[in-house]
Amino acid sequence: MLGVKGVSSIGYFCIFAIEAGQSYWCVPPINRDTTCGKASLNELIFTPSLMKRYILSLLLVGLSTLTALGQKVMPLENNDGSVLPKELPRKGALYLKDTHRLLPKYAGSWEGDYKGYKLYVQIEFLERAPYATYAENCKLFVDQLHLVSRILDASGREVMNAKTNPDRIGVGGELFVRRPTNASSVEREETYQFVFFYNDLSTGVICVARMSDDMKTLTLELKSVITMEGPMIHPAYLPQDDSPWILRRTSKLPPRSALDPDFPALIPSSK
């Protein structure tokens, strides 16, 4: 049974494997402004595929541009569509690269308080991290963030530790950047998506991260919750509809990427 709440901006193939030998591909071509609760079956397509073990992975569009042999490098930024598994080539490799080096600035230690919970967060940057093989000799690699959290309740009792329980790591996905242009007065926007899995990977809690201009504060807000089977698990310590996580950086402030097209305009003024 499928349960969905919130607004989806998944953009990737999220594979929720229910149990060994049976998994489901979630292919949601839904806009950021589309309410998942109103999504039709045409918008959320779940196709069973045979798997021998639990699988969690992310896929971006543009795989049709992958060359038959060798590695194809594509930008991770704003690469947020969907592609059917049968369109994957049988040979070659795809590397989804953070070409503007936007992700490393998220890495480091963060802390926060949330509804009586104490949050200790470590964000790790993985460069060219290997992903699963989706077709014979076809490998995927991606620049990615992992959100590893340790959470204590009001009494100081540990209620979650992703370092000792890797299944609770927030897995990074879509990097969305909207840049101002000469023809538009829109402000720059950058978001990065994390998915937290529960219920044997059949529930995904999808959150979106936004960093302050001074890179000292990180906001993580709920985007949607999707359940493939069983109860919809959404722990109280994760961001809820009414309030996000607000984390403050406790590690050394990293340098900005000189490869960012908006650099150095993003550097806060010292005036």
Protein backbone atom coordinates (compact mmCIF):
# COMPACT_ATOMS: atom_id res chain seq x y z
CA MET A 1 0.00 0.00 0.00
CA LEU A 2 1.34 3.41 -0.97
CA GLY A 3 1.20 6.34 1.39
CA VAL A 4 2.41 9.82 0.53
CA LYS A 5 2.32 13.13 2.33
CA GLY A 6 3.94 16.48 1.75
CA VAL A 7 5.38 18.01 -1.38
CA SER A 8 7.76 15.96 -3.47
CA SER A 9 10.88 17.11 -5.21
CA ILE A 10 12.59 13.76 -5.39
CA GLY A 11 13.80 14.07 -8.97
CA TYR A 12 15.73 10.82 -8.64
CA PHE A 13 14.84 7.20 -8.87
CA CYS A 14 14.41 6.20 -5.25
CA ILE A 15 14.44 2.44 -5.01
CA PHE A 16 12.64 1.07 -2.01
CA ALA A 17 13.35 -2.66 -1.71
CA ILE A 18 10.62 -4.22 0.41
CA GLU A 19 12.14 -7.63 0.87
CA ALA A 20 14.65 -9.91 -0.77
CA GLY A 21 13.60 -10.93 -4.25
CA GLN A 22 11.13 -8.07 -4.68
CA SER A 23 11.73 -4.35 -5.03
CA TYR A 24 9.91 -1.33 -6.40
CA TRP A 25 11.22 1.52 -8.52
CA CYS A 26 9.72 4.85 -7.52
CA VAL A 27 9.61 7.09 -10.61
CA PRO A 28 7.97 10.37 -9.57
CA PRO A 29 8.04 13.02 -12.35
CA ILE A 30 6.49 15.58 -10.03
CA ASN A 31 7.29 19.29 -9.93
CA ARG A 32 8.37 21.05 -6.77
CA ASP A 33 4.97 22.73 -6.62
CA THR A 34 2.98 19.51 -6.96
CA THR A 35 1.25 18.16 -3.87
CA CYS A 36 2.08 14.49 -3.49
CA GLY A 37 -1.17 13.83 -1.72
CA LYS A 38 -2.94 14.63 -4.98
CA ALA A 39 -0.57 12.68 -7.22
CA SER A 40 -2.18 10.22 -9.59
CA LEU A 41 -0.89 6.77 -10.45
CA ASN A 42 0.47 8.26 -13.65
CA GLU A 43 2.65 10.57 -11.58
CA LEU A 44 3.86 7.85 -9.22
CA ILE A 45 4.84 4.71 -11.09
CA PHE A 46 6.03 1.68 -9.15
CA THR A 47 7.44 -1.15 -11.21
CA PRO A 48 8.54 -4.42 -9.58
CA SER A 49 11.99 -5.69 -10.50
CA LEU A 50 13.77 -8.79 -9.24
CA MET A 51 16.56 -8.11 -6.75
CA LYS A 52 18.49 -10.46 -4.54
CA ARG A 53 19.08 -8.05 -1.69
CA TYR A 54 17.96 -4.72 -0.31
CA ILE A 55 18.88 -1.81 -2.56
CA LEU A 56 18.87 1.92 -2.00
CA SER A 57 20.01 4.20 -4.80
CA LEU A 58 19.47 7.40 -6.76
CA LEU A 59 19.39 7.92 -10.55
CA LEU A 60 19.31 11.10 -12.56
CA VAL A 61 18.15 11.94 -16.05
CA GLY A 62 20.36 12.30 -19.02
CA LEU A 63 21.45 8.69 -19.08
CA SER A 64 20.48 8.56 -22.74
CA THR A 65 23.56 10.71 -23.40
CA LEU A 66 25.84 8.08 -21.92
CA THR A 67 28.34 6.80 -24.46
CA ALA A 68 28.41 3.12 -25.27
CA LEU A 69 31.94 2.75 -23.92
CA GLY A 70 33.99 4.57 -21.27
CA GLN A 71 32.86 7.13 -18.72
CA LYS A 72 30.46 9.99 -19.27
CA VAL A 73 30.68 12.92 -16.86
CA MET A 74 27.52 14.92 -16.25
CA PRO A 75 26.85 17.80 -13.85
CA LEU A 76 25.06 16.88 -10.65
CA GLU A 77 23.62 20.37 -10.36
CA ASN A 78 19.96 20.61 -11.50
CA ASN A 79 20.08 17.11 -12.95
CA ASP A 80 16.72 16.03 -11.58
CA GLY A 81 14.62 13.97 -13.99
CA SER A 82 13.79 10.29 -14.42
CA VAL A 83 14.61 7.51 -16.82
CA LEU A 84 13.29 3.98 -17.14
CA PRO A 85 15.71 1.20 -16.22
CA LYS A 86 15.48 -0.34 -19.72
CA GLU A 87 17.03 2.85 -21.14
CA LEU A 88 20.28 2.26 -19.27
CA PRO A 89 23.16 1.24 -21.51
CA ARG A 90 24.73 -2.15 -21.06
CA LYS A 91 28.29 -0.83 -20.95
CA GLY A 92 30.12 2.22 -19.76
CA ALA A 93 30.00 4.35 -16.62
CA LEU A 94 28.31 7.57 -15.61
CA TYR A 95 29.80 10.06 -13.17
CA LEU A 96 27.46 12.72 -11.78
CA LYS A 97 29.97 15.37 -10.79
CA ASP A 98 29.62 18.41 -8.57
CA THR A 99 31.35 20.50 -11.23
CA HIS A 100 31.09 23.79 -9.30
CA ARG A 101 32.27 22.23 -6.03
CA LEU A 102 29.19 23.34 -4.11
CA LEU A 103 28.88 20.31 -1.83
CA PRO A 104 32.15 20.47 0.20
CA LYS A 105 31.00 23.59 2.05
CA TYR A 106 28.25 21.53 3.74
CA ALA A 107 30.77 19.12 5.24
CA GLY A 108 31.63 19.45 8.90
CA SER A 109 30.08 19.36 12.36
CA TRP A 110 26.71 20.89 13.21
CA GLU A 111 24.55 21.10 16.33
CA GLY A 112 21.00 22.11 17.13
CA ASP A 113 18.00 21.75 19.42
CA TYR A 114 14.65 20.50 18.17
CA LYS A 115 11.49 20.05 20.23
CA GLY A 116 13.39 18.83 23.28
CA TYR A 117 15.91 16.80 21.28
CA LYS A 118 19.62 17.59 21.08
CA LEU A 119 21.02 17.19 17.57
CA TYR A 120 24.64 16.37 16.79
CA VAL A 121 25.21 16.17 13.06
CA GLN A 122 28.24 15.31 10.96
CA ILE A 123 27.96 15.90 7.21
CA GLU A 124 30.42 14.00 5.05
CA PHE A 125 31.37 14.73 1.45
CA LEU A 126 31.89 11.67 -0.75
CA GLU A 127 33.62 12.36 -4.05
CA ARG A 128 32.89 10.01 -6.96
CA ALA A 129 31.18 7.57 -4.63
CA PRO A 130 30.31 4.25 -6.30
CA TYR A 131 26.68 3.29 -6.66
CA ALA A 132 24.95 0.07 -7.62
CA THR A 133 25.26 -1.49 -11.06
CA TYR A 134 21.94 -1.20 -12.90
CA ALA A 135 22.89 -2.99 -16.09
CA GLU A 136 25.68 -5.30 -17.04
CA ASN A 137 29.01 -3.42 -16.83
CA CYS A 138 27.21 -0.11 -16.34
CA LYS A 139 28.42 1.64 -13.21
CA LEU A 140 27.24 4.84 -11.61
CA PHE A 141 29.33 7.23 -9.55
CA VAL A 142 28.18 10.41 -7.86
CA ASP A 143 29.46 13.26 -5.71
CA GLN A 144 27.29 13.05 -2.62
CA LEU A 145 26.71 14.12 0.96
CA HIS A 146 25.87 11.85 3.89
CA LEU A 147 24.19 13.25 7.00
CA VAL A 148 25.25 11.27 10.07
CA SER A 149 23.34 12.30 13.19
CA ARG A 150 23.32 11.45 16.87
CA ILE A 151 20.15 12.49 18.69
CA LEU A 152 19.44 12.68 22.41
CA ASP A 153 16.07 13.21 24.08
CA ALA A 154 15.36 15.69 26.88
CA SER A 155 16.67 13.25 29.50
CA GLY A 156 19.95 12.79 27.66
CA ARG A 157 19.07 9.32 26.43
CA GLU A 158 20.35 8.47 22.98
CA VAL A 159 17.38 7.78 20.67
CA MET A 160 19.27 7.55 17.39
CA ASN A 161 22.88 7.17 16.31
CA ALA A 162 23.53 6.87 12.59
CA LYS A 163 27.22 6.26 13.18
CA THR A 164 26.50 2.94 14.86
CA ASN A 165 23.38 2.32 12.75
CA PRO A 166 24.25 3.28 9.14
CA ASP A 167 20.68 2.55 8.01
CA ARG A 168 19.76 5.89 9.59
CA ILE A 169 22.23 7.96 7.56
CA GLY A 170 20.59 10.71 5.54
CA VAL A 171 21.51 9.91 1.94
CA GLY A 172 22.15 12.90 -0.30
CA GLY A 173 20.49 13.35 -3.65
CA GLU A 174 19.36 16.27 -5.76
CA LEU A 175 21.38 19.49 -5.87
CA PHE A 176 19.20 22.35 -7.12
CA VAL A 177 20.58 25.79 -7.90
CA ARG A 178 18.68 28.77 -9.30
CA ARG A 179 21.00 31.55 -10.36
CA PRO A 180 20.15 35.20 -11.02
CA THR A 181 20.50 36.40 -14.58
CA ASN A 182 20.68 39.79 -16.26
CA ALA A 183 17.14 39.28 -17.54
CA SER A 184 15.74 38.28 -14.15
CA SER A 185 15.75 39.77 -10.68
CA VAL A 186 15.30 36.44 -8.88
CA GLU A 187 17.55 35.75 -5.93
CA ARG A 188 19.99 32.89 -5.93
CA GLU A 189 18.62 29.71 -4.38
CA GLU A 190 20.49 26.54 -3.54
CA THR A 191 19.03 23.42 -1.95
CA TYR A 192 20.26 19.90 -1.36
CA GLN A 193 18.05 16.92 -0.68
CA PHE A 194 18.49 14.17 1.92
CA VAL A 195 16.40 11.00 2.31
CA PHE A 196 16.09 9.13 5.62
CA PHE A 197 14.87 5.54 5.34
CA TYR A 198 12.79 3.54 7.80
CA ASN A 199 10.66 0.41 7.93
CA ASP A 200 13.15 -1.79 6.05
CA LEU A 201 13.67 0.93 3.41
CA SER A 202 9.97 1.05 2.56
CA THR A 203 9.49 4.53 4.06
CA GLY A 204 11.48 7.55 2.90
CA VAL A 205 11.45 10.85 4.81
CA ILE A 206 12.61 13.47 2.30
CA CYS A 207 14.13 16.70 3.58
CA VAL A 208 15.67 19.72 1.88
CA ALA A 209 18.70 21.58 3.23
CA ARG A 210 19.38 25.31 2.82
CA MET A 211 22.53 27.04 3.99
CA SER A 212 22.78 30.65 5.12
CA ASP A 213 24.91 33.08 3.11
CA ASP A 214 27.56 33.15 5.84
CA MET A 215 27.64 29.30 5.82
CA LYS A 216 27.16 29.19 9.60
CA THR A 217 23.54 27.98 9.70
CA LEU A 218 21.88 25.02 7.98
CA THR A 219 18.10 24.61 7.80
CA LEU A 220 16.63 21.17 7.10
CA GLU A 221 12.92 21.19 6.33
CA LEU A 222 10.49 18.40 5.56
CA LYS A 223 9.54 17.98 1.90
CA SER A 224 7.56 14.73 1.87
CA VAL A 225 7.17 11.26 3.33
CA ILE A 226 6.59 8.27 1.06
CA THR A 227 5.65 4.79 2.29
CA MET A 228 5.61 1.79 -0.01
CA GLU A 229 4.35 -0.78 2.48
CA GLY A 230 3.40 -0.95 6.12
CA PRO A 231 3.05 1.99 8.51
CA MET A 232 4.24 5.48 7.60
CA ILE A 233 7.17 5.97 9.97
CA HIS A 234 8.12 9.60 10.61
CA PRO A 235 10.07 9.91 13.87
CA ALA A 236 9.34 12.95 16.02
CA TYR A 237 13.02 13.93 16.07
CA LEU A 238 13.07 14.48 12.30
CA PRO A 239 11.76 17.73 10.77
CA GLN A 240 7.95 17.96 10.82
CA ASP A 241 5.48 19.94 8.72
CA ASP A 242 5.41 22.83 11.16
CA SER A 243 9.10 23.26 11.95
CA PRO A 244 12.53 22.53 10.41
CA TRP A 245 15.83 21.63 11.97
CA ILE A 246 18.03 24.69 12.44
CA LEU A 247 21.67 23.68 12.84
CA ARG A 248 24.65 25.87 13.69
CA ARG A 249 28.12 25.02 12.43
CA THR A 250 30.58 23.99 15.15
CA SER A 251 33.51 23.08 12.90
CA LYS A 252 35.88 25.39 11.07
CA LEU A 253 34.25 27.51 8.38
CA PRO A 254 35.28 26.16 4.95
CA PRO A 255 36.36 28.31 2.00
CA ARG A 256 33.86 29.07 -0.73
CA SER A 257 34.26 27.36 -4.06
CA ALA A 258 36.06 29.52 -6.60
CA LEU A 259 34.40 27.39 -9.29
CA ASP A 260 30.94 28.68 -8.37
CA PRO A 261 29.79 31.02 -11.18
CA ASP A 262 28.36 33.34 -8.51
CA PHE A 263 31.70 33.61 -6.70
CA PRO A 264 32.80 36.09 -5.30
CA ALA A 265 29.41 37.80 -5.28
CA LEU A 266 28.29 35.39 -2.51
CA ILE A 267 30.96 36.51 -0.07
CA PRO A 268 29.22 38.55 2.67
CA SER A 269 30.22 42.19 2.60
CA SER A 270 32.61 43.33 5.31
CA LYS A 271 31.18 46.83 5.26
